Amino acid sequence: MAGPIWQWSALDTATAIRERRATAEEVVAAHVDRMRAVNPPLNAVVVDLSAQAIQAARAADRAQAQGSMLGKLHGVPVTIKINIDVEGQANSNGVLAFKDNIAPGDAPVVANLKKAGAIIIGMTNTPEFSMRGFTDNKLHGLTSNPWDSTITCGGSSGGAGASIAAGIGAIGHGNDIGGSLRWPAYCNGIATIKPTQGRIPAFNPSAPVERPLMAQFMSAQGPLAREVRDVRLALDVMSQRDMRDPWWVPAPLEGPKLPTPIKVALARVPDDMDTDPDVIAQLRVAADHLANAGYEIVETELPDLAGTWQLWCDLIMTELSVLQEAQMRELGSAEFGQTLDGFLKMATILDGGAYMEAIARRSRVLRTWLAFLESYPVILTPLSVKRTPLASTE
């Protein structure tokens, strides 16, 4: 494998350790050195667990020398976002008032990574309440993009995206309810997946109450990595059963082989949306690559993007308004309050009957999209768009 250890893929790293071409301690030390070299200006990792990581790496090497069974990520360095529980560490969620919210145990995704042999070298930054498209808070400060400090690293898994792009860890943990894995992956030039709800178990032992229902259904834990094959590997590891999540399902990672040629939907941008022409150009380049590889490219419209987004916004913001807004305003900064105002302004806050009707309507939206994906299992689309009012016809 060419290049320094911190540039290796997670799969290559695990293979090198398993084949004794590198020790877990050597690998973890290389990533710790990388973190110390590049993290100060980035501020991606805001909880340094390097001392514990080196000790864990030495224990991993002893276990391997004794012939113990090795997990799929034995000795592989990873990072964890600061909005889930790592036993003994604060789950602050980027909120100053939660700086001493010490986790009494590991969240399921953390437990699964540890069971697979992964070694946590640090915890990564998130905006307050994990609710903004850039990563900044009063507790830990601003996280920068490793490629260009004038460009956002994204949010809310911005620290995770920046750390992995910079070579701090081979796999980063993040989570996503409205783009918080996908947007940072785009901003930092790495790969991710937002898994279907129920794929990766979720629970925080430190949480005093359960999240609202739609927040549970729309949120997902997931991996970020520099290579797609590492995302697949991490998804497999993260997806193992944990009885603490009642929504977890034993879904297979491999499905039936798709009929060929596989159809790819090249999404048309609706008239009331706009995006950068360079992004559209790159989508067409990607479409050409797929066509050359034997895929069938079909330019088509996607099902009701504006309506789907508005339904998401109305449901999530209604729950927030009823169950969470008072605490957020009490504990959040003035800047976060402005962000919250903006979110709430975009939504229609529903009464009880309208909320139930919206939940019912969501099932129809899901069914429509599943039918679309049955025909087009791959979709090429801009990650984000700008809504533009349509010109009046009067």
Protein backbone atom coordinates (compact mmCIF):
# COMPACT_ATOMS: atom_id res chain seq x y z
CA MET A 1 0.00 0.00 0.00
CA ALA A 2 1.43 3.33 -1.08
CA GLY A 3 1.42 6.48 1.02
CA PRO A 4 1.54 7.08 4.75
CA ILE A 5 -0.61 4.95 7.07
CA TRP A 6 -3.16 7.70 7.68
CA GLN A 7 -3.99 7.70 3.95
CA TRP A 8 -4.84 3.99 3.85
CA SER A 9 -8.46 2.95 3.43
CA ALA A 10 -10.19 1.33 6.38
CA LEU A 11 -10.35 -1.96 4.49
CA ASP A 12 -6.63 -1.88 3.67
CA THR A 13 -5.81 -0.86 7.24
CA ALA A 14 -7.75 -3.76 8.73
CA THR A 15 -6.13 -6.17 6.24
CA ALA A 16 -2.62 -4.90 7.00
CA ILE A 17 -3.15 -5.38 10.74
CA ARG A 18 -4.70 -8.81 10.28
CA GLU A 19 -1.79 -9.90 8.07
CA ARG A 20 0.72 -8.45 10.58
CA ARG A 21 2.15 -5.96 8.10
CA ALA A 22 1.36 -3.25 10.64
CA THR A 23 0.39 -3.24 14.29
CA ALA A 24 -2.69 -1.57 15.68
CA GLU A 25 -0.42 0.66 17.76
CA GLU A 26 1.50 1.79 14.66
CA VAL A 27 -1.73 2.58 12.85
CA VAL A 28 -3.32 4.45 15.73
CA ALA A 29 -0.11 6.36 16.43
CA ALA A 30 0.03 7.45 12.78
CA HIS A 31 -3.51 8.82 12.98
CA VAL A 32 -2.84 10.50 16.31
CA ASP A 33 0.23 12.19 14.82
CA ARG A 34 -1.88 13.28 11.85
CA MET A 35 -4.53 14.68 14.21
CA ARG A 36 -1.95 16.66 16.14
CA ALA A 37 -0.51 18.04 12.91
CA VAL A 38 -3.69 19.15 11.13
CA ASN A 39 -6.50 19.40 13.67
CA PRO A 40 -5.53 22.66 15.47
CA PRO A 41 -6.55 24.93 12.56
CA LEU A 42 -9.46 22.65 11.55
CA ASN A 43 -11.04 22.12 14.96
CA ALA A 44 -12.73 18.98 13.63
CA VAL A 45 -11.92 16.74 16.60
CA VAL A 46 -12.96 18.56 19.77
CA VAL A 47 -12.52 15.70 22.27
CA ASP A 48 -9.05 14.16 22.09
CA LEU A 49 -9.09 10.47 23.06
CA SER A 50 -5.60 9.68 21.76
CA ALA A 51 -4.20 8.51 25.11
CA GLN A 52 -7.02 5.99 25.55
CA ALA A 53 -6.70 5.04 21.87
CA ILE A 54 -3.02 4.13 22.20
CA GLN A 55 -3.82 1.96 25.21
CA ALA A 56 -6.65 0.29 23.30
CA ALA A 57 -4.33 -0.32 20.33
CA ARG A 58 -1.77 -2.02 22.57
CA ALA A 59 -4.52 -4.21 24.00
CA ALA A 60 -5.64 -5.04 20.45
CA ASP A 61 -2.12 -6.13 19.54
CA ARG A 62 -1.89 -8.31 22.65
CA ALA A 63 -5.23 -9.92 21.79
CA GLN A 64 -4.03 -10.66 18.25
CA ALA A 65 -0.77 -12.14 19.55
CA GLN A 66 -2.79 -14.44 21.81
CA GLY A 67 -4.80 -15.72 18.88
CA SER A 68 -8.09 -13.99 19.70
CA MET A 69 -10.75 -13.74 17.01
CA LEU A 70 -10.42 -10.40 15.21
CA GLY A 71 -13.32 -8.16 14.27
CA LYS A 72 -13.73 -6.60 10.83
CA LEU A 73 -12.27 -3.28 12.03
CA HIS A 74 -9.63 -4.64 14.39
CA GLY A 75 -7.25 -1.76 15.14
CA VAL A 76 -8.88 0.69 12.70
CA PRO A 77 -9.05 4.30 14.02
CA VAL A 78 -12.47 5.98 13.95
CA THR A 79 -14.09 9.21 15.14
CA ILE A 80 -17.46 9.68 16.84
CA LYS A 81 -19.75 12.71 16.63
CA ILE A 82 -20.32 14.52 19.95
CA ASN A 83 -24.10 14.08 19.86
CA ILE A 84 -24.15 10.39 20.76
CA ASP A 85 -22.99 8.54 23.86
CA VAL A 86 -19.45 7.30 24.37
CA GLU A 87 -19.19 5.94 27.89
CA GLY A 88 -17.43 8.37 30.22
CA GLN A 89 -17.49 11.25 27.72
CA ALA A 90 -19.85 14.22 27.48
CA ASN A 91 -22.65 14.06 24.94
CA SER A 92 -22.86 17.83 24.57
CA ASN A 93 -24.62 18.03 21.20
CA GLY A 94 -22.72 21.29 20.71
CA VAL A 95 -24.60 22.96 23.59
CA LEU A 96 -22.69 24.75 26.34
CA ALA A 97 -25.25 23.72 28.97
CA PHE A 98 -24.64 20.03 28.15
CA LYS A 99 -20.85 20.13 28.55
CA ASP A 100 -21.07 17.88 31.62
CA ASN A 101 -23.68 15.47 30.24
CA ILE A 102 -21.50 12.42 30.84
CA ALA A 103 -22.67 9.26 29.08
CA PRO A 104 -23.26 6.29 31.42
CA GLY A 105 -22.79 3.84 28.56
CA ASP A 106 -22.13 3.50 24.84
CA ALA A 107 -24.75 4.17 22.18
CA PRO A 108 -25.43 1.06 20.04
CA VAL A 109 -23.43 2.34 17.06
CA VAL A 110 -20.43 2.97 19.33
CA ALA A 111 -20.79 -0.46 20.92
CA ASN A 112 -20.94 -2.07 17.47
CA LEU A 113 -17.79 -0.28 16.31
CA LYS A 114 -15.95 -1.36 19.45
CA LYS A 115 -17.14 -4.96 19.09
CA ALA A 116 -15.71 -4.95 15.56
CA GLY A 117 -12.33 -3.85 16.97
CA ALA A 118 -12.43 -0.18 15.94
CA ILE A 119 -10.51 2.27 18.12
CA ILE A 120 -11.95 5.71 18.87
CA ILE A 121 -9.29 8.42 18.61
CA GLY A 122 -11.57 11.43 19.12
CA MET A 123 -15.03 12.96 19.03
CA THR A 124 -16.03 15.41 16.32
CA ASN A 125 -17.78 18.76 16.37
CA THR A 126 -21.42 19.55 15.58
CA PRO A 127 -23.48 22.77 15.61
CA GLU A 128 -25.77 23.54 18.55
CA PHE A 129 -28.44 20.87 18.86
CA SER A 130 -27.02 19.48 15.57
CA MET A 131 -29.30 21.83 13.69
CA ARG A 132 -27.35 23.91 11.20
CA GLY A 133 -25.73 23.45 7.81
CA PHE A 134 -22.35 24.64 9.10
CA THR A 135 -20.49 23.57 12.24
CA ASP A 136 -20.02 26.15 14.97
CA ASN A 137 -21.06 26.47 18.61
CA LYS A 138 -20.26 28.37 21.80
CA LEU A 139 -18.73 25.29 23.44
CA HIS A 140 -16.13 24.21 20.89
CA GLY A 141 -16.09 26.91 18.20
CA LEU A 142 -15.96 26.78 14.42
CA THR A 143 -14.85 23.78 12.36
CA SER A 144 -13.14 24.58 9.04
CA ASN A 145 -13.08 22.79 5.72
CA PRO A 146 -9.68 21.06 5.26
CA TRP A 147 -9.55 21.99 1.57
CA ASP A 148 -10.42 25.68 1.87
CA SER A 149 -11.07 27.58 5.09
CA THR A 150 -13.36 30.00 3.22
CA ILE A 151 -15.80 27.17 2.42
CA THR A 152 -18.02 25.49 4.99
CA CYS A 153 -17.32 21.95 6.15
CA GLY A 154 -21.09 21.48 6.29
CA GLY A 155 -23.25 20.29 9.14
CA SER A 156 -24.34 18.86 11.27
CA SER A 157 -21.72 16.10 10.93
CA GLY A 158 -19.23 18.76 9.83
CA GLY A 159 -16.52 17.75 12.27
CA ALA A 160 -16.82 14.15 11.11
CA GLY A 161 -16.59 15.13 7.45
CA ALA A 162 -13.62 17.43 7.99
CA SER A 163 -11.74 14.91 10.12
CA ILE A 164 -12.06 12.10 7.58
CA ALA A 165 -11.18 14.31 4.62
CA ALA A 166 -8.08 15.44 6.53
CA GLY A 167 -6.96 11.88 7.31
CA ILE A 168 -7.90 11.86 10.99
CA GLY A 169 -9.35 8.37 11.30
CA ALA A 170 -10.30 5.94 8.55
CA ILE A 171 -14.05 6.03 9.30
CA GLY A 172 -16.13 8.79 10.84
CA HIS A 173 -19.46 8.36 12.58
CA GLY A 174 -22.22 10.86 11.89
CA ASN A 175 -25.98 11.06 11.81
CA ASP A 176 -28.62 12.59 9.56
CA ILE A 177 -32.21 13.76 9.87
CA GLY A 178 -32.26 16.32 7.06
CA GLY A 179 -28.89 16.10 5.29
CA SER A 180 -26.42 15.94 8.18
CA LEU A 181 -24.40 13.09 6.67
CA ARG A 182 -24.90 13.90 3.00
CA TRP A 183 -24.14 17.65 3.10
CA PRO A 184 -20.80 17.35 5.00
CA ALA A 185 -19.74 14.50 2.70
CA TYR A 186 -20.40 16.76 -0.28
CA CYS A 187 -18.66 19.76 1.29
CA ASN A 188 -15.54 17.75 2.18
CA GLY A 189 -15.35 15.54 -0.91
CA ILE A 190 -15.89 12.17 0.77
CA ALA A 191 -18.46 9.35 0.67
CA THR A 192 -21.40 8.50 2.91
CA ILE A 193 -24.81 6.89 3.04
CA LYS A 194 -27.93 7.78 4.99
CA PRO A 195 -29.21 4.32 5.89
CA THR A 196 -32.91 3.52 5.99
CA GLN A 197 -34.43 3.91 9.46
CA GLY A 198 -34.09 0.64 11.36
CA ARG A 199 -30.86 -0.36 9.65
CA ILE A 200 -28.45 0.92 12.34
CA PRO A 201 -29.67 0.78 15.96
CA ALA A 202 -29.88 4.09 17.81
CA PHE A 203 -30.21 5.00 21.50
CA ASN A 204 -28.48 7.34 23.95
CA PRO A 205 -28.27 6.04 27.54
CA SER A 206 -27.81 9.64 28.70
CA ALA A 207 -31.13 10.82 27.21
CA PRO A 208 -33.69 11.66 29.93
CA VAL A 209 -36.64 11.32 27.52
CA GLU A 210 -37.34 9.73 24.14
CA ARG A 211 -37.23 11.75 20.93
CA PRO A 212 -40.51 12.61 19.17
CA LEU A 213 -41.85 9.93 16.85
CA MET A 214 -41.06 11.50 13.48
CA ALA A 215 -37.60 12.48 14.68
CA GLN A 216 -37.02 8.81 15.49
CA PHE A 217 -38.34 7.70 12.09
CA MET A 218 -36.38 10.24 10.04
CA SER A 219 -33.03 10.18 11.86
CA ALA A 220 -30.28 7.70 11.00
CA GLN A 221 -26.77 6.92 12.20
CA GLY A 222 -24.19 6.33 9.50
CA PRO A 223 -20.57 6.27 8.33
CA LEU A 224 -18.40 8.74 6.43
CA ALA A 225 -15.22 7.60 4.68
CA ARG A 226 -12.86 8.50 1.87
CA GLU A 227 -13.82 5.43 -0.20
CA VAL A 228 -17.20 3.88 -0.98
CA ARG A 229 -15.96 0.40 -0.04
CA ASP A 230 -15.16 1.71 3.45
CA VAL A 231 -18.68 3.11 3.75
CA ARG A 232 -20.01 -0.37 2.90
CA LEU A 233 -17.70 -1.99 5.48
CA ALA A 234 -18.66 0.47 8.20
CA LEU A 235 -22.37 0.13 7.39
CA ASP A 236 -22.09 -3.62 7.89
CA VAL A 237 -20.37 -3.18 11.26
CA MET A 238 -22.70 -0.43 12.49
CA SER A 239 -25.84 -2.39 11.54
CA GLN A 240 -25.53 -5.18 14.09
CA ARG A 241 -28.49 -5.80 16.40
CA ASP A 242 -28.93 -3.92 19.67
CA MET A 243 -32.07 -4.72 21.66
CA ARG A 244 -32.27 -1.13 22.93
CA ASP A 245 -33.64 0.07 19.58
CA PRO A 246 -37.18 -1.28 19.02
CA TRP A 247 -37.13 -0.08 15.40
CA TRP A 248 -34.05 -2.12 14.39
CA VAL A 249 -34.67 -4.77 11.73
CA PRO A 250 -32.38 -7.58 10.48
CA ALA A 251 -32.34 -6.32 6.90
CA PRO A 252 -29.81 -7.97 4.54
CA LEU A 253 -27.11 -5.75 3.06
CA GLU A 254 -27.15 -7.69 -0.22
CA GLY A 255 -30.33 -7.82 -2.30
CA PRO A 256 -31.27 -9.71 -5.46
CA LYS A 257 -29.30 -8.90 -8.57
CA LEU A 258 -30.90 -6.10 -10.56
CA PRO A 259 -31.91 -6.69 -14.18
CA THR A 260 -29.58 -5.08 -16.69
CA PRO A 261 -29.16 -2.53 -18.01
CA ILE A 262 -29.70 -0.79 -14.67
CA LYS A 263 -31.71 2.38 -15.21
CA VAL A 264 -30.35 5.64 -13.81
CA ALA A 265 -32.59 8.67 -13.34
CA LEU A 266 -30.79 11.88 -14.27
CA ALA A 267 -32.96 14.29 -12.33
CA ARG A 268 -34.39 17.38 -13.97
CA VAL A 269 -34.21 20.41 -11.69
CA PRO A 270 -37.79 21.70 -11.23
CA ASP A 271 -38.66 25.17 -12.52
CA ASP A 272 -38.99 26.55 -8.98
CA MET A 273 -35.50 25.37 -8.01
CA ASP A 274 -32.02 26.40 -9.09
CA THR A 275 -28.49 25.12 -8.66
CA ASP A 276 -25.00 25.95 -9.86
CA PRO A 277 -24.40 25.22 -13.58
CA ASP A 278 -21.06 23.59 -12.68
CA VAL A 279 -22.92 21.06 -10.53
CA ILE A 280 -25.26 20.23 -13.40
CA ALA A 281 -22.26 19.82 -15.68
CA GLN A 282 -20.64 17.37 -13.26
CA LEU A 283 -23.85 15.37 -13.06
CA ARG A 284 -23.76 14.98 -16.82
CA VAL A 285 -20.13 13.86 -16.63
CA ALA A 286 -21.15 11.24 -14.07
CA ALA A 287 -24.03 10.19 -16.33
CA ASP A 288 -21.61 9.73 -19.24
CA HIS A 289 -19.33 7.56 -17.07
CA LEU A 290 -22.27 5.38 -16.07
CA ALA A 291 -23.50 5.13 -19.65
CA ASN A 292 -20.04 4.00 -20.75
CA ALA A 293 -20.16 1.36 -17.99
CA GLY A 294 -23.41 -0.06 -19.37
CA TYR A 295 -26.08 1.77 -17.37
CA GLU A 296 -29.17 3.20 -19.07
CA ILE A 297 -29.48 6.95 -18.41
CA VAL A 298 -32.97 8.48 -18.44
CA GLU A 299 -33.48 12.18 -17.83
CA THR A 300 -36.67 12.49 -15.81
CA GLU A 301 -38.49 14.38 -13.07
CA LEU A 302 -38.44 13.18 -9.47
CA PRO A 303 -41.65 12.77 -7.46
CA ASP A 304 -42.86 16.06 -5.89
CA LEU A 305 -39.59 17.33 -4.38
CA ALA A 306 -41.09 20.54 -3.03
CA GLY A 307 -44.04 18.77 -1.42
CA THR A 308 -41.83 16.07 0.07
CA TRP A 309 -39.53 18.65 1.61
CA GLN A 310 -42.44 20.69 3.00
CA LEU A 311 -43.95 17.60 4.60
CA TRP A 312 -40.63 16.82 6.29
CA CYS A 313 -40.34 20.40 7.51
CA ASP A 314 -43.90 20.57 8.84
CA LEU A 315 -43.65 17.28 10.74
CA ILE A 316 -40.23 17.87 12.27
CA MET A 317 -40.88 21.49 13.19
CA THR A 318 -44.30 20.71 14.68
CA GLU A 319 -42.71 18.16 17.01
CA LEU A 320 -39.91 20.56 17.85
CA SER A 321 -42.32 23.42 18.52
CA VAL A 322 -44.43 21.35 20.92
CA LEU A 323 -41.80 19.29 22.73
CA GLN A 324 -38.37 20.92 22.34
CA GLU A 325 -38.55 24.60 21.49
CA ALA A 326 -38.78 25.91 25.06
CA GLN A 327 -35.63 24.09 26.17
CA MET A 328 -33.75 25.02 23.00
CA ARG A 329 -34.51 28.71 23.47
CA GLU A 330 -33.54 28.54 27.14
CA LEU A 331 -30.22 26.77 26.58
CA GLY A 332 -29.23 27.81 23.06
CA SER A 333 -27.26 30.89 22.04
CA ALA A 334 -28.79 34.00 20.48
CA GLU A 335 -27.42 32.90 17.10
CA PHE A 336 -29.10 29.52 17.47
CA GLY A 337 -32.35 31.27 18.32
CA GLN A 338 -32.19 33.06 14.97
CA THR A 339 -31.62 29.74 13.23
CA LEU A 340 -34.60 28.26 15.03
CA ASP A 341 -36.74 31.23 13.96
CA GLY A 342 -35.75 30.56 10.36
CA PHE A 343 -36.68 26.88 10.53
CA LEU A 344 -40.03 27.59 12.15
CA LYS A 345 -40.80 30.30 9.60
CA MET A 346 -40.46 27.76 6.78
CA ALA A 347 -42.90 25.34 8.43
CA THR A 348 -46.60 25.15 9.08
CA ILE A 349 -47.02 24.21 12.73
CA LEU A 350 -49.78 21.61 12.73
CA ASP A 351 -52.53 20.98 15.25
CA GLY A 352 -53.23 17.43 16.43
CA GLY A 353 -55.52 16.46 13.57
CA ALA A 354 -53.31 17.97 10.87
CA TYR A 355 -50.25 16.30 12.41
CA MET A 356 -51.94 12.88 12.18
CA GLU A 357 -53.01 13.57 8.61
CA ALA A 358 -49.43 14.56 7.72
CA ILE A 359 -48.09 11.31 9.18
CA ALA A 360 -50.62 9.40 7.08
CA ARG A 361 -49.61 11.40 3.98
CA ARG A 362 -45.98 10.49 4.62
CA SER A 363 -46.80 6.83 3.96
CA ARG A 364 -48.10 7.78 0.52
CA VAL A 365 -44.92 9.78 -0.19
CA LEU A 366 -42.79 6.80 0.83
CA ARG A 367 -44.83 4.49 -1.39
CA THR A 368 -44.46 6.84 -4.35
CA TRP A 369 -40.69 6.99 -3.92
CA LEU A 370 -40.39 3.22 -3.50
CA ALA A 371 -42.26 2.78 -6.79
CA PHE A 372 -39.90 5.26 -8.46
CA LEU A 373 -36.84 3.46 -7.09
CA GLU A 374 -38.23 0.18 -8.39
CA SER A 375 -37.76 1.57 -11.89
CA TYR A 376 -34.70 3.73 -11.17
CA PRO A 377 -32.52 2.21 -8.43
CA VAL A 378 -29.87 4.89 -9.05
CA ILE A 379 -30.59 8.64 -9.11
CA LEU A 380 -28.20 11.40 -10.14
CA THR A 381 -29.27 14.70 -8.63
CA PRO A 382 -27.79 17.88 -7.15
CA LEU A 383 -27.36 17.57 -3.41
CA SER A 384 -28.94 20.95 -2.73
CA VAL A 385 -30.97 23.53 -4.60
CA LYS A 386 -32.21 27.05 -4.13
CA ARG A 387 -35.95 27.62 -4.21
CA THR A 388 -36.88 30.37 -6.69
CA PRO A 389 -40.39 31.80 -6.98
CA LEU A 390 -42.04 31.09 -10.29
CA ALA A 391 -42.81 34.10 -12.50
CA SER A 392 -46.42 35.24 -12.39
CA THR A 393 -48.56 34.31 -15.39
CA GLU A 394 -51.13 37.01 -14.67
